[in-house]
Amino acid sequence: MLEGRDWYKVEGAKVDEIQKFDKCFNNILPKGLLDLLRYSNGGEGPLEVQPYNFVLDSVDQIIETNGTCEISETFSGFIIFGSDGGGEYIAYDTTSSEVVSLDMCNTDISESRLLVAPDFNSFLKFVGVESK
């Protein structure tokens, strides 16, 4: 999936983990995210667009992060699946199907939300690629 790209890969999630994960989110997750987690259940690499670094959380981390009251209330409508390794979440916007970054410290979504990619397949094209 990300062969030939700059990506720190870990062992992919097992089929039963992916099924549990998808069911946990009512089967609304983009296929590309599920495929990425099958390939690498966590990992890190550059991102060609802002925020320029991507740390993919594992299936268990994603479930735990999104299960907290703070996240479900503050970032309602988003599924956080990683970060930039600093102060930005990387999330899937369930209302628009866009991939966005969210400032972890700013709960005002109108100020915090930054478009990373219009959909998950577009996002995958940026993963593991250095910015030019």
Protein backbone atom coordinates (compact mmCIF):
# COMPACT_ATOMS: atom_id res chain seq x y z
CA MET A 1 0.00 0.00 0.00
CA LEU A 2 2.71 2.52 0.94
CA GLU A 3 5.62 0.57 -0.50
CA GLY A 4 8.39 2.83 -1.74
CA ARG A 5 7.29 5.68 0.49
CA ASP A 6 8.86 7.05 3.65
CA TRP A 7 6.70 5.19 6.20
CA TYR A 8 7.55 3.59 9.52
CA LYS A 9 5.38 0.49 9.24
CA VAL A 10 4.24 -1.79 12.02
CA GLU A 11 2.43 -5.11 11.69
CA GLY A 12 -1.04 -4.67 10.23
CA ALA A 13 -4.25 -5.22 12.18
CA LYS A 14 -5.83 -8.65 11.99
CA VAL A 15 -9.15 -9.29 10.24
CA ASP A 16 -11.07 -9.70 13.53
CA GLU A 17 -9.59 -6.42 14.87
CA ILE A 18 -10.71 -4.57 11.74
CA GLN A 19 -14.22 -6.05 11.95
CA LYS A 20 -14.53 -5.08 15.63
CA PHE A 21 -13.17 -1.63 14.86
CA ASP A 22 -15.54 -0.99 11.95
CA LYS A 23 -18.52 -2.23 13.96
CA CYS A 24 -17.52 0.06 16.85
CA PHE A 25 -18.01 3.01 14.48
CA ASN A 26 -21.26 1.69 12.97
CA ASN A 27 -19.58 0.72 9.69
CA ILE A 28 -19.14 4.36 8.57
CA LEU A 29 -15.35 4.34 8.32
CA PRO A 30 -13.79 4.93 4.91
CA LYS A 31 -12.50 1.77 3.23
CA GLY A 32 -9.12 3.47 2.80
CA LEU A 33 -8.68 3.82 6.56
CA LEU A 34 -9.52 0.16 7.10
CA ASP A 35 -7.06 -0.82 4.34
CA LEU A 36 -4.36 1.38 5.86
CA LEU A 37 -4.81 -0.24 9.27
CA ARG A 38 -4.70 -3.72 7.70
CA TYR A 39 -1.38 -2.69 6.17
CA SER A 40 0.05 -0.89 9.22
CA ASN A 41 -1.71 -0.86 12.59
CA GLY A 42 -0.04 2.38 13.62
CA GLY A 43 3.03 3.99 12.12
CA GLU A 44 4.51 7.32 11.13
CA GLY A 45 5.77 9.22 8.14
CA PRO A 46 5.77 12.54 6.36
CA LEU A 47 2.64 14.08 4.93
CA GLU A 48 2.97 16.06 1.70
CA VAL A 49 0.51 18.71 2.93
CA GLN A 50 0.02 20.60 6.18
CA PRO A 51 0.48 19.46 8.98
CA TYR A 52 3.41 17.71 7.17
CA ASN A 53 3.72 14.73 9.54
CA PHE A 54 1.30 11.88 10.18
CA VAL A 55 1.27 9.52 13.15
CA LEU A 56 -1.30 6.78 12.59
CA ASP A 57 -2.85 5.43 15.77
CA SER A 58 -3.49 1.71 16.20
CA VAL A 59 -7.02 0.29 16.11
CA ASP A 60 -7.07 0.09 19.92
CA GLN A 61 -5.79 3.66 20.30
CA ILE A 62 -8.41 5.00 17.89
CA ILE A 63 -11.21 3.25 19.79
CA GLU A 64 -9.88 4.52 23.12
CA THR A 65 -9.36 8.12 21.95
CA ASN A 66 -12.79 8.42 20.37
CA GLY A 67 -14.47 6.76 23.34
CA THR A 68 -13.59 9.54 25.77
CA CYS A 69 -16.28 12.05 26.76
CA GLU A 70 -13.98 14.97 25.97
CA ILE A 71 -13.49 13.88 22.37
CA SER A 72 -17.09 12.82 21.73
CA GLU A 73 -18.41 16.14 23.07
CA THR A 74 -15.72 18.54 21.87
CA PHE A 75 -15.08 16.99 18.47
CA SER A 76 -18.50 15.55 17.73
CA GLY A 77 -18.82 14.36 14.13
CA PHE A 78 -15.11 13.58 13.81
CA ILE A 79 -13.28 10.28 14.11
CA ILE A 80 -9.74 10.94 15.24
CA PHE A 81 -7.34 8.38 13.79
CA GLY A 82 -3.96 9.99 14.35
CA SER A 83 -2.03 13.18 14.86
CA ASP A 84 0.89 15.18 13.56
CA GLY A 85 2.93 14.08 16.58
CA GLY A 86 2.53 17.54 18.10
CA GLY A 87 -0.64 19.50 18.78
CA GLU A 88 -2.90 18.52 15.88
CA TYR A 89 -5.29 15.60 15.60
CA ILE A 90 -5.84 14.04 12.17
CA ALA A 91 -9.51 13.16 11.81
CA TYR A 92 -12.19 11.93 9.46
CA ASP A 93 -15.12 14.35 9.26
CA THR A 94 -18.21 12.12 9.17
CA THR A 95 -20.41 14.96 7.89
CA SER A 96 -18.31 15.81 4.83
CA SER A 97 -16.07 12.71 4.37
CA GLU A 98 -13.04 15.05 4.42
CA VAL A 99 -9.80 14.43 6.27
CA VAL A 100 -8.94 17.37 8.51
CA SER A 101 -6.55 18.42 11.21
CA LEU A 102 -7.92 19.74 14.49
CA ASP A 103 -6.01 21.82 17.01
CA MET A 104 -6.00 19.75 20.22
CA CYS A 105 -6.09 22.91 22.35
CA ASN A 106 -8.74 24.89 20.49
CA THR A 107 -12.26 23.54 20.83
CA ASP A 108 -13.73 26.17 18.48
CA ILE A 109 -14.06 24.01 15.37
CA SER A 110 -14.44 27.05 13.09
CA GLU A 111 -10.91 28.11 14.13
CA SER A 112 -9.44 24.68 14.76
CA ARG A 113 -10.43 22.75 11.61
CA LEU A 114 -8.02 22.70 8.65
CA LEU A 115 -8.76 20.73 5.48
CA VAL A 116 -6.05 18.17 4.74
CA ALA A 117 -7.77 16.26 1.92
CA PRO A 118 -11.24 16.22 0.34
CA ASP A 119 -11.60 12.45 0.96
CA PHE A 120 -9.64 9.54 2.38
CA ASN A 121 -8.32 8.27 -0.95
CA SER A 122 -6.86 11.71 -1.66
CA PHE A 123 -5.35 11.74 1.83
CA LEU A 124 -3.59 8.42 1.18
CA LYS A 125 -1.79 9.97 -1.80
CA PHE A 126 -0.08 12.41 0.61
CA VAL A 127 0.99 9.80 3.21
CA GLY A 128 4.69 8.93 3.22
CA VAL A 129 5.56 11.73 0.79
CA GLU A 130 7.79 14.67 1.70
CA SER A 131 6.51 18.17 1.02
CA LYS A 132 8.09 19.85 -2.01
